[in-house]
Amino acid sequence: MTKADIVEDVANKTGLTKKEVAEAVEGFLGCISNGLVNGEHFEIRGFGTFKVKRRKARMARNPRTGEPVPVPERLVPVFKVSRELKELVAQS
């Protein structure tokens, strides 16, 4: 499902225009993105949690040459699914 599909689905269910829904979806995603950039944590009950985790530096291998390559420490966005959503998906 794409962002356009979400916009269309929400517009059909709410009676709002696609433009209004698109602005709301963009605003929501922008809020989450900007918050993650600033290190914030978002919990949406019954859906899941968005947060940023620190990945430690490590040594990896170049698959072509087998040569060790250092991978620096970095921050990565993660999403953890709520128990309610896991159970709902498992039932389907």
Foldseek 3Di string as FASTA:
>chain_A
DDPLVVLVVVCVVPVDDSVVSSVVVVVVVVVLVVCQVVQHKDQDPLFWIKGKDKDQKDWDADVVPRHIDIDHIDIDIDIDGDPNVVVVVVVD
